[in-house]
Amino acid sequence: MKSILRVFPWKRTINLSIAVIFLLIIFSFYGLYTNTFYLLKPNNYIFPLLTLSHITFLYVLWFKIKEDELTDPQMRNIEYILYVVFAVYVFKTFESLYILTSYSEFENHIIPASFFPIGILIFLLHLFLLGLTLLAIKYRRDMVGPYVFDDMNQHIDSWE
């Protein structure tokens, strides 16, 4: 575990997370079977909207580490939302794996040559995002601290 923390320090984890999210947002509009981008399908906008909470968490994590601040209820709420988004990431990872393994069902159809390279790239990006998300949560626990609030701190809004 320590070697992973050396390879991916907190700044690199945040930057790579943002880069991977950006790439996956682009690929969320891409159709593997047809090799085209679908910008008018409403389902393609679900993933980009969900990643807004992840980007917000990464910003709050960066700010808390830079300013050496402790956790607050707002950060806790954002992290709890991130847990739900993480479940969607797991679903998207399995969905991309399913699409890759369903290649044999469409042998009689014309499948573009980019199916496997792009499909494997999307699957690996999803796996990488899962790992980076867990690593960001670990950095929050290690560097920012646990969510322990006594009664007096419940009424303080640290973002004002």
N, C-alpha and C. Protein backbone atom coordinates (compact mmCIF):
# COMPACT_ATOMS: atom_id res chain seq x y z
N MET A 1 0.82 -1.20 0.00
CA MET A 1 0.00 0.00 0.00
C MET A 1 0.86 1.26 0.00
N LYS A 2 1.99 1.18 0.70
CA LYS A 2 2.85 2.36 0.77
C LYS A 2 3.46 2.69 -0.58
N SER A 3 3.70 1.67 -1.41
CA SER A 3 4.24 1.94 -2.74
C SER A 3 3.21 2.64 -3.61
N ILE A 4 1.94 2.29 -3.43
CA ILE A 4 0.88 2.98 -4.18
C ILE A 4 0.80 4.44 -3.75
N LEU A 5 0.94 4.68 -2.45
CA LEU A 5 0.89 6.06 -1.96
C LEU A 5 2.09 6.86 -2.44
N ARG A 6 3.22 6.19 -2.66
CA ARG A 6 4.38 6.90 -3.19
C ARG A 6 4.22 7.21 -4.67
N VAL A 7 3.62 6.29 -5.41
CA VAL A 7 3.41 6.51 -6.84
C VAL A 7 2.30 7.53 -7.08
N PHE A 8 1.28 7.48 -6.25
CA PHE A 8 0.14 8.39 -6.38
C PHE A 8 -0.01 9.25 -5.14
N PRO A 9 0.80 10.31 -5.00
CA PRO A 9 0.57 11.22 -3.88
C PRO A 9 -0.76 11.95 -4.08
N TRP A 10 -1.17 12.70 -3.07
CA TRP A 10 -2.51 13.27 -3.10
C TRP A 10 -2.72 14.23 -4.26
N LYS A 11 -1.72 15.04 -4.62
CA LYS A 11 -1.90 15.97 -5.74
C LYS A 11 -2.06 15.22 -7.05
N ARG A 12 -1.23 14.21 -7.26
CA ARG A 12 -1.32 13.43 -8.48
C ARG A 12 -2.64 12.67 -8.54
N THR A 13 -3.10 12.19 -7.41
CA THR A 13 -4.38 11.49 -7.37
C THR A 13 -5.52 12.41 -7.79
N ILE A 14 -5.51 13.62 -7.29
CA ILE A 14 -6.57 14.57 -7.65
C ILE A 14 -6.48 14.94 -9.12
N ASN A 15 -5.28 15.22 -9.62
CA ASN A 15 -5.12 15.60 -11.02
C ASN A 15 -5.48 14.46 -11.97
N LEU A 16 -5.04 13.25 -11.65
CA LEU A 16 -5.38 12.10 -12.49
C LEU A 16 -6.88 11.81 -12.44
N SER A 17 -7.49 11.98 -11.28
CA SER A 17 -8.94 11.77 -11.18
C SER A 17 -9.69 12.72 -12.09
N ILE A 18 -9.29 13.96 -12.10
CA ILE A 18 -9.96 14.95 -12.96
C ILE A 18 -9.74 14.61 -14.42
N ALA A 19 -8.52 14.20 -14.80
CA ALA A 19 -8.24 13.83 -16.18
C ALA A 19 -9.05 12.61 -16.61
N VAL A 20 -9.12 11.60 -15.75
CA VAL A 20 -9.87 10.39 -16.08
C VAL A 20 -11.36 10.69 -16.17
N ILE A 21 -11.87 11.51 -15.27
CA ILE A 21 -13.29 11.90 -15.33
C ILE A 21 -13.57 12.63 -16.64
N PHE A 22 -12.68 13.53 -17.02
CA PHE A 22 -12.86 14.27 -18.27
C PHE A 22 -12.91 13.33 -19.47
N LEU A 23 -11.98 12.37 -19.53
CA LEU A 23 -11.98 11.41 -20.63
C LEU A 23 -13.23 10.55 -20.64
N LEU A 24 -13.66 10.11 -19.46
CA LEU A 24 -14.86 9.28 -19.40
C LEU A 24 -16.13 10.07 -19.73
N ILE A 25 -16.13 11.35 -19.46
CA ILE A 25 -17.27 12.19 -19.88
C ILE A 25 -17.34 12.22 -21.40
N ILE A 26 -16.21 12.37 -22.05
CA ILE A 26 -16.19 12.36 -23.51
C ILE A 26 -16.66 11.01 -24.04
N PHE A 27 -16.14 9.93 -23.45
CA PHE A 27 -16.51 8.59 -23.91
C PHE A 27 -17.94 8.20 -23.52
N SER A 28 -18.57 8.92 -22.62
CA SER A 28 -19.95 8.59 -22.28
C SER A 28 -20.89 8.92 -23.45
N PHE A 29 -20.46 9.75 -24.37
CA PHE A 29 -21.26 10.09 -25.54
C PHE A 29 -20.92 9.20 -26.74
N TYR A 30 -19.95 8.32 -26.58
CA TYR A 30 -19.46 7.50 -27.69
C TYR A 30 -20.18 6.17 -27.74
N GLY A 31 -20.59 5.75 -28.93
CA GLY A 31 -21.21 4.45 -29.13
C GLY A 31 -20.20 3.47 -29.68
N LEU A 32 -19.86 2.47 -28.90
CA LEU A 32 -18.84 1.50 -29.33
C LEU A 32 -19.26 0.71 -30.56
N TYR A 33 -20.51 0.30 -30.62
CA TYR A 33 -20.96 -0.52 -31.74
C TYR A 33 -21.04 0.26 -33.05
N THR A 34 -21.28 1.55 -32.96
CA THR A 34 -21.48 2.34 -34.17
C THR A 34 -20.33 3.28 -34.49
N ASN A 35 -19.40 3.46 -33.56
CA ASN A 35 -18.24 4.33 -33.77
C ASN A 35 -18.67 5.78 -34.03
N THR A 36 -19.72 6.24 -33.34
CA THR A 36 -20.18 7.62 -33.48
C THR A 36 -20.48 8.20 -32.10
N PHE A 37 -20.56 9.51 -32.05
CA PHE A 37 -20.91 10.21 -30.82
C PHE A 37 -22.39 10.59 -30.86
N TYR A 38 -23.08 10.31 -29.76
CA TYR A 38 -24.50 10.62 -29.65
C TYR A 38 -24.67 11.75 -28.64
N LEU A 39 -24.84 12.95 -29.15
CA LEU A 39 -24.96 14.11 -28.27
C LEU A 39 -26.40 14.40 -27.88
N LEU A 40 -27.36 13.82 -28.57
CA LEU A 40 -28.75 14.15 -28.31
C LEU A 40 -29.47 13.11 -27.45
N LYS A 41 -28.77 12.06 -27.02
CA LYS A 41 -29.40 11.06 -26.15
C LYS A 41 -29.33 11.54 -24.70
N PRO A 42 -30.47 11.69 -24.04
CA PRO A 42 -30.46 12.17 -22.65
C PRO A 42 -29.71 11.25 -21.68
N ASN A 43 -29.70 9.94 -21.95
CA ASN A 43 -29.00 9.01 -21.06
C ASN A 43 -27.49 9.29 -20.99
N ASN A 44 -26.95 9.86 -22.03
CA ASN A 44 -25.51 10.14 -22.06
C ASN A 44 -25.12 11.27 -21.12
N TYR A 45 -26.06 12.03 -20.65
CA TYR A 45 -25.76 13.16 -19.77
C TYR A 45 -25.83 12.80 -18.29
N ILE A 46 -26.22 11.58 -17.97
CA ILE A 46 -26.32 11.17 -16.56
C ILE A 46 -24.94 11.09 -15.94
N PHE A 47 -24.00 10.43 -16.61
CA PHE A 47 -22.64 10.29 -16.06
C PHE A 47 -21.96 11.65 -15.84
N PRO A 48 -21.99 12.57 -16.82
CA PRO A 48 -21.37 13.87 -16.55
C PRO A 48 -22.00 14.63 -15.39
N LEU A 49 -23.30 14.51 -15.20
CA LEU A 49 -23.95 15.20 -14.08
C LEU A 49 -23.53 14.58 -12.74
N LEU A 50 -23.40 13.26 -12.70
CA LEU A 50 -22.99 12.61 -11.46
C LEU A 50 -21.54 12.93 -11.10
N THR A 51 -20.71 13.13 -12.09
CA THR A 51 -19.31 13.41 -11.80
C THR A 51 -19.10 14.81 -11.21
N LEU A 52 -20.10 15.66 -11.28
CA LEU A 52 -19.97 16.98 -10.66
C LEU A 52 -19.75 16.86 -9.15
N SER A 53 -20.42 15.90 -8.54
CA SER A 53 -20.22 15.72 -7.10
C SER A 53 -18.81 15.19 -6.81
N HIS A 54 -18.28 14.35 -7.70
CA HIS A 54 -16.92 13.84 -7.51
C HIS A 54 -15.90 14.98 -7.65
N ILE A 55 -16.09 15.82 -8.64
CA ILE A 55 -15.18 16.96 -8.83
C ILE A 55 -15.28 17.91 -7.65
N THR A 56 -16.48 18.11 -7.11
CA THR A 56 -16.65 18.95 -5.93
C THR A 56 -15.90 18.36 -4.74
N PHE A 57 -16.01 17.04 -4.56
CA PHE A 57 -15.28 16.38 -3.47
C PHE A 57 -13.77 16.55 -3.65
N LEU A 58 -13.28 16.41 -4.87
CA LEU A 58 -11.84 16.57 -5.11
C LEU A 58 -11.38 17.99 -4.80
N TYR A 59 -12.21 18.98 -5.15
CA TYR A 59 -11.86 20.37 -4.84
C TYR A 59 -11.83 20.60 -3.33
N VAL A 60 -12.85 20.09 -2.64
CA VAL A 60 -12.90 20.27 -1.18
C VAL A 60 -11.72 19.56 -0.53
N LEU A 61 -11.37 18.37 -1.01
CA LEU A 61 -10.23 17.63 -0.48
C LEU A 61 -8.94 18.43 -0.69
N TRP A 62 -8.76 18.95 -1.89
CA TRP A 62 -7.57 19.75 -2.18
C TRP A 62 -7.52 20.97 -1.27
N PHE A 63 -8.64 21.65 -1.10
CA PHE A 63 -8.68 22.84 -0.26
C PHE A 63 -8.37 22.50 1.19
N LYS A 64 -8.97 21.44 1.71
CA LYS A 64 -8.76 21.06 3.12
C LYS A 64 -7.31 20.66 3.36
N ILE A 65 -6.69 19.95 2.44
CA ILE A 65 -5.30 19.56 2.61
C ILE A 65 -4.38 20.78 2.51
N LYS A 66 -4.62 21.64 1.53
CA LYS A 66 -3.79 22.83 1.35
C LYS A 66 -3.87 23.77 2.54
N GLU A 67 -5.06 23.97 3.06
CA GLU A 67 -5.26 24.91 4.16
C GLU A 67 -5.12 24.26 5.53
N ASP A 68 -4.85 22.97 5.55
CA ASP A 68 -4.68 22.20 6.78
C ASP A 68 -5.90 22.36 7.71
N GLU A 69 -7.08 22.19 7.11
CA GLU A 69 -8.32 22.30 7.86
C GLU A 69 -8.84 20.91 8.20
N LEU A 70 -9.76 20.89 9.14
CA LEU A 70 -10.40 19.64 9.55
C LEU A 70 -11.68 19.43 8.75
N THR A 71 -12.26 18.27 8.91
CA THR A 71 -13.50 17.98 8.21
C THR A 71 -14.65 18.81 8.76
N ASP A 72 -15.69 18.91 7.96
CA ASP A 72 -16.89 19.62 8.39
C ASP A 72 -18.11 18.87 7.84
N PRO A 73 -19.31 19.23 8.30
CA PRO A 73 -20.51 18.50 7.85
C PRO A 73 -20.73 18.57 6.34
N GLN A 74 -20.38 19.69 5.72
CA GLN A 74 -20.56 19.81 4.27
C GLN A 74 -19.69 18.80 3.52
N MET A 75 -18.45 18.65 3.97
CA MET A 75 -17.56 17.69 3.33
C MET A 75 -18.08 16.27 3.54
N ARG A 76 -18.59 15.99 4.71
CA ARG A 76 -19.16 14.68 5.00
C ARG A 76 -20.32 14.38 4.05
N ASN A 77 -21.19 15.36 3.84
CA ASN A 77 -22.34 15.17 2.94
C ASN A 77 -21.89 14.92 1.50
N ILE A 78 -20.88 15.67 1.07
CA ILE A 78 -20.36 15.48 -0.29
C ILE A 78 -19.74 14.09 -0.42
N GLU A 79 -19.04 13.64 0.62
CA GLU A 79 -18.45 12.31 0.55
C GLU A 79 -19.53 11.23 0.53
N TYR A 80 -20.60 11.41 1.26
CA TYR A 80 -21.68 10.43 1.24
C TYR A 80 -22.33 10.37 -0.14
N ILE A 81 -22.46 11.51 -0.79
CA ILE A 81 -22.96 11.52 -2.17
C ILE A 81 -21.96 10.80 -3.08
N LEU A 82 -20.68 10.97 -2.81
CA LEU A 82 -19.65 10.29 -3.61
C LEU A 82 -19.76 8.78 -3.48
N TYR A 83 -20.18 8.27 -2.34
CA TYR A 83 -20.37 6.83 -2.18
C TYR A 83 -21.44 6.32 -3.15
N VAL A 84 -22.51 7.08 -3.33
CA VAL A 84 -23.55 6.69 -4.28
C VAL A 84 -23.01 6.76 -5.71
N VAL A 85 -22.26 7.81 -6.00
CA VAL A 85 -21.66 7.95 -7.33
C VAL A 85 -20.67 6.82 -7.58
N PHE A 86 -19.96 6.40 -6.54
CA PHE A 86 -19.03 5.27 -6.67
C PHE A 86 -19.77 4.01 -7.08
N ALA A 87 -20.97 3.81 -6.56
CA ALA A 87 -21.78 2.65 -6.97
C ALA A 87 -22.14 2.74 -8.46
N VAL A 88 -22.40 3.95 -8.95
CA VAL A 88 -22.66 4.13 -10.38
C VAL A 88 -21.40 3.84 -11.17
N TYR A 89 -20.24 4.24 -10.66
CA TYR A 89 -18.97 3.93 -11.32
C TYR A 89 -18.78 2.42 -11.43
N VAL A 90 -19.12 1.69 -10.38
CA VAL A 90 -19.00 0.23 -10.41
C VAL A 90 -19.94 -0.33 -11.48
N PHE A 91 -21.16 0.19 -11.53
CA PHE A 91 -22.11 -0.25 -12.56
C PHE A 91 -21.57 0.03 -13.95
N LYS A 92 -21.04 1.22 -14.18
CA LYS A 92 -20.51 1.57 -15.50
C LYS A 92 -19.32 0.69 -15.86
N THR A 93 -18.52 0.31 -14.87
CA THR A 93 -17.38 -0.58 -15.13
C THR A 93 -17.88 -1.94 -15.61
N PHE A 94 -18.86 -2.49 -14.92
CA PHE A 94 -19.41 -3.78 -15.32
C PHE A 94 -20.15 -3.67 -16.66
N GLU A 95 -20.78 -2.54 -16.90
CA GLU A 95 -21.47 -2.34 -18.17
C GLU A 95 -20.47 -2.32 -19.33
N SER A 96 -19.34 -1.64 -19.16
CA SER A 96 -18.34 -1.62 -20.22
C SER A 96 -17.73 -3.00 -20.42
N LEU A 97 -17.55 -3.76 -19.35
CA LEU A 97 -17.06 -5.13 -19.48
C LEU A 97 -18.08 -6.00 -20.20
N TYR A 98 -19.35 -5.82 -19.91
CA TYR A 98 -20.41 -6.57 -20.58
C TYR A 98 -20.43 -6.26 -22.07
N ILE A 99 -20.27 -5.00 -22.42
CA ILE A 99 -20.27 -4.63 -23.84
C ILE A 99 -19.08 -5.28 -24.55
N LEU A 100 -17.94 -5.31 -23.89
CA LEU A 100 -16.78 -5.95 -24.50
C LEU A 100 -16.98 -7.46 -24.69
N THR A 101 -17.61 -8.09 -23.73
CA THR A 101 -17.80 -9.54 -23.83
C THR A 101 -18.98 -9.91 -24.71
N SER A 102 -19.82 -8.97 -25.09
CA SER A 102 -20.96 -9.26 -25.95
C SER A 102 -20.60 -9.19 -27.43
N TYR A 103 -19.34 -9.11 -27.73
CA TYR A 103 -18.88 -9.01 -29.12
C TYR A 103 -19.34 -10.21 -29.95
N SER A 104 -19.32 -11.39 -29.36
CA SER A 104 -19.67 -12.60 -30.13
C SER A 104 -21.15 -12.65 -30.49
N GLU A 105 -21.99 -11.92 -29.81
CA GLU A 105 -23.41 -11.90 -30.13
C GLU A 105 -23.71 -11.16 -31.43
N PHE A 106 -22.76 -10.34 -31.88
CA PHE A 106 -22.98 -9.53 -33.08
C PHE A 106 -21.99 -9.89 -34.18
N GLU A 107 -21.67 -11.19 -34.30
CA GLU A 107 -20.70 -11.61 -35.31
C GLU A 107 -21.21 -11.37 -36.72
N ASN A 108 -22.52 -11.43 -36.93
CA ASN A 108 -23.07 -11.25 -38.27
C ASN A 108 -23.21 -9.77 -38.64
N HIS A 109 -22.96 -8.89 -37.72
CA HIS A 109 -23.06 -7.45 -37.98
C HIS A 109 -21.66 -6.89 -38.22
N ILE A 110 -21.64 -5.73 -38.80
CA ILE A 110 -20.36 -5.05 -39.03
C ILE A 110 -20.01 -4.27 -37.77
N ILE A 111 -18.95 -4.70 -37.11
CA ILE A 111 -18.46 -4.04 -35.90
C ILE A 111 -17.23 -3.23 -36.31
N PRO A 112 -17.14 -1.98 -35.89
CA PRO A 112 -15.99 -1.16 -36.28
C PRO A 112 -14.67 -1.72 -35.72
N ALA A 113 -13.60 -1.42 -36.40
CA ALA A 113 -12.28 -1.90 -35.98
C ALA A 113 -11.85 -1.28 -34.65
N SER A 114 -12.43 -0.16 -34.31
CA SER A 114 -12.07 0.52 -33.06
C SER A 114 -12.80 -0.05 -31.85
N PHE A 115 -13.62 -1.08 -32.05
CA PHE A 115 -14.43 -1.62 -30.96
C PHE A 115 -13.56 -2.07 -29.78
N PHE A 116 -12.61 -2.95 -30.03
CA PHE A 116 -11.80 -3.47 -28.93
C PHE A 116 -10.81 -2.44 -28.35
N PRO A 117 -10.08 -1.69 -29.18
CA PRO A 117 -9.15 -0.72 -28.56
C PRO A 117 -9.85 0.33 -27.71
N ILE A 118 -10.91 0.91 -28.22
CA ILE A 118 -11.64 1.94 -27.47
C ILE A 118 -12.38 1.31 -26.29
N GLY A 119 -12.95 0.14 -26.50
CA GLY A 119 -13.68 -0.54 -25.43
C GLY A 119 -12.77 -0.91 -24.28
N ILE A 120 -11.59 -1.42 -24.58
CA ILE A 120 -10.63 -1.76 -23.52
C ILE A 120 -10.15 -0.49 -22.82
N LEU A 121 -9.93 0.58 -23.59
CA LEU A 121 -9.52 1.85 -22.98
C LEU A 121 -10.59 2.36 -22.02
N ILE A 122 -11.85 2.32 -22.42
CA ILE A 122 -12.94 2.77 -21.56
C ILE A 122 -13.01 1.91 -20.30
N PHE A 123 -12.89 0.60 -20.46
CA PHE A 123 -12.93 -0.30 -19.30
C PHE A 123 -11.78 -0.01 -18.34
N LEU A 124 -10.57 0.18 -18.88
CA LEU A 124 -9.42 0.47 -18.02
C LEU A 124 -9.56 1.84 -17.34
N LEU A 125 -10.12 2.82 -18.04
CA LEU A 125 -10.35 4.13 -17.42
C LEU A 125 -11.35 4.02 -16.27
N HIS A 126 -12.38 3.20 -16.46
CA HIS A 126 -13.35 3.00 -15.37
C HIS A 126 -12.69 2.32 -14.17
N LEU A 127 -11.87 1.30 -14.42
CA LEU A 127 -11.15 0.65 -13.32
C LEU A 127 -10.21 1.63 -12.62
N PHE A 128 -9.52 2.44 -13.40
CA PHE A 128 -8.59 3.42 -12.85
C PHE A 128 -9.34 4.44 -12.00
N LEU A 129 -10.53 4.85 -12.46
CA LEU A 129 -11.32 5.82 -11.70
C LEU A 129 -11.79 5.22 -10.37
N LEU A 130 -12.14 3.95 -10.37
CA LEU A 130 -12.52 3.29 -9.12
C LEU A 130 -11.36 3.33 -8.13
N GLY A 131 -10.17 2.98 -8.59
CA GLY A 131 -9.01 3.00 -7.71
C GLY A 131 -8.66 4.40 -7.22
N LEU A 132 -8.73 5.38 -8.12
CA LEU A 132 -8.41 6.75 -7.72
C LEU A 132 -9.44 7.30 -6.73
N THR A 133 -10.70 6.91 -6.88
CA THR A 133 -11.73 7.36 -5.95
C THR A 133 -11.48 6.80 -4.56
N LEU A 134 -11.18 5.52 -4.49
CA LEU A 134 -10.86 4.92 -3.18
C LEU A 134 -9.61 5.54 -2.57
N LEU A 135 -8.63 5.85 -3.41
CA LEU A 135 -7.41 6.48 -2.92
C LEU A 135 -7.68 7.89 -2.40
N ALA A 136 -8.55 8.63 -3.08
CA ALA A 136 -8.90 9.98 -2.62
C ALA A 136 -9.61 9.92 -1.27
N ILE A 137 -10.48 8.93 -1.09
CA ILE A 137 -11.16 8.78 0.19
C ILE A 137 -10.15 8.42 1.28
N LYS A 138 -9.16 7.60 0.94
CA LYS A 138 -8.12 7.27 1.92
C LYS A 138 -7.31 8.52 2.29
N TYR A 139 -6.99 9.35 1.30
CA TYR A 139 -6.26 10.58 1.62
C TYR A 139 -7.09 11.51 2.49
N ARG A 140 -8.41 11.52 2.29
CA ARG A 140 -9.26 12.33 3.16
C ARG A 140 -9.17 11.83 4.59
N ARG A 141 -9.21 10.52 4.77
CA ARG A 141 -9.13 9.96 6.12
C ARG A 141 -7.77 10.21 6.76
N ASP A 142 -6.71 10.06 5.98
CA ASP A 142 -5.36 10.19 6.54
C ASP A 142 -4.93 11.64 6.74
N MET A 143 -5.21 12.50 5.78
CA MET A 143 -4.66 13.86 5.81
C MET A 143 -5.61 14.90 6.37
N VAL A 144 -6.91 14.71 6.18
CA VAL A 144 -7.87 15.70 6.67
C VAL A 144 -8.42 15.28 8.02
N GLY A 145 -8.67 14.00 8.18
CA GLY A 145 -9.13 13.51 9.47
C GLY A 145 -10.48 12.85 9.40
N PRO A 146 -10.87 12.20 10.48
CA PRO A 146 -12.17 11.51 10.51
C PRO A 146 -13.30 12.50 10.74
N TYR A 147 -14.51 12.02 10.54
CA TYR A 147 -15.70 12.84 10.77
C TYR A 147 -16.14 12.67 12.21
N VAL A 148 -15.54 13.43 13.10
CA VAL A 148 -15.92 13.41 14.51
C VAL A 148 -16.34 14.83 14.86
N PHE A 149 -17.59 14.98 15.23
CA PHE A 149 -18.11 16.30 15.55
C PHE A 149 -18.75 16.26 16.92
N ASP A 150 -18.36 17.18 17.76
CA ASP A 150 -19.07 17.30 19.03
C ASP A 150 -20.24 18.26 18.83
N ASP A 151 -21.04 18.46 19.83
CA ASP A 151 -22.27 19.23 19.69
C ASP A 151 -22.00 20.69 19.35
N MET A 152 -20.90 21.26 19.83
CA MET A 152 -20.63 22.68 19.56
C MET A 152 -20.27 22.89 18.10
N ASN A 153 -19.58 21.96 17.47
CA ASN A 153 -19.16 22.15 16.09
C ASN A 153 -20.27 21.89 15.09
N GLN A 154 -21.39 21.35 15.48
CA GLN A 154 -22.49 21.09 14.56
C GLN A 154 -23.11 22.37 14.04
N HIS A 155 -22.95 23.46 14.75
CA HIS A 155 -23.63 24.70 14.36
C HIS A 155 -22.68 25.70 13.71
N ILE A 156 -21.49 25.28 13.43
CA ILE A 156 -20.52 26.18 12.78
C ILE A 156 -20.49 25.87 11.30
N ASP A 157 -20.64 26.92 10.49
CA ASP A 157 -20.56 26.77 9.05
C ASP A 157 -19.19 27.28 8.61
N SER A 158 -18.28 26.37 8.33
CA SER A 158 -16.90 26.77 8.03
C SER A 158 -16.74 27.28 6.62
N TRP A 159 -17.77 27.20 5.79
CA TRP A 159 -17.64 27.66 4.41
C TRP A 159 -18.11 29.10 4.25
N GLU A 160 -18.48 29.74 5.32
CA GLU A 160 -18.93 31.13 5.20
C GLU A 160 -17.77 32.09 5.34
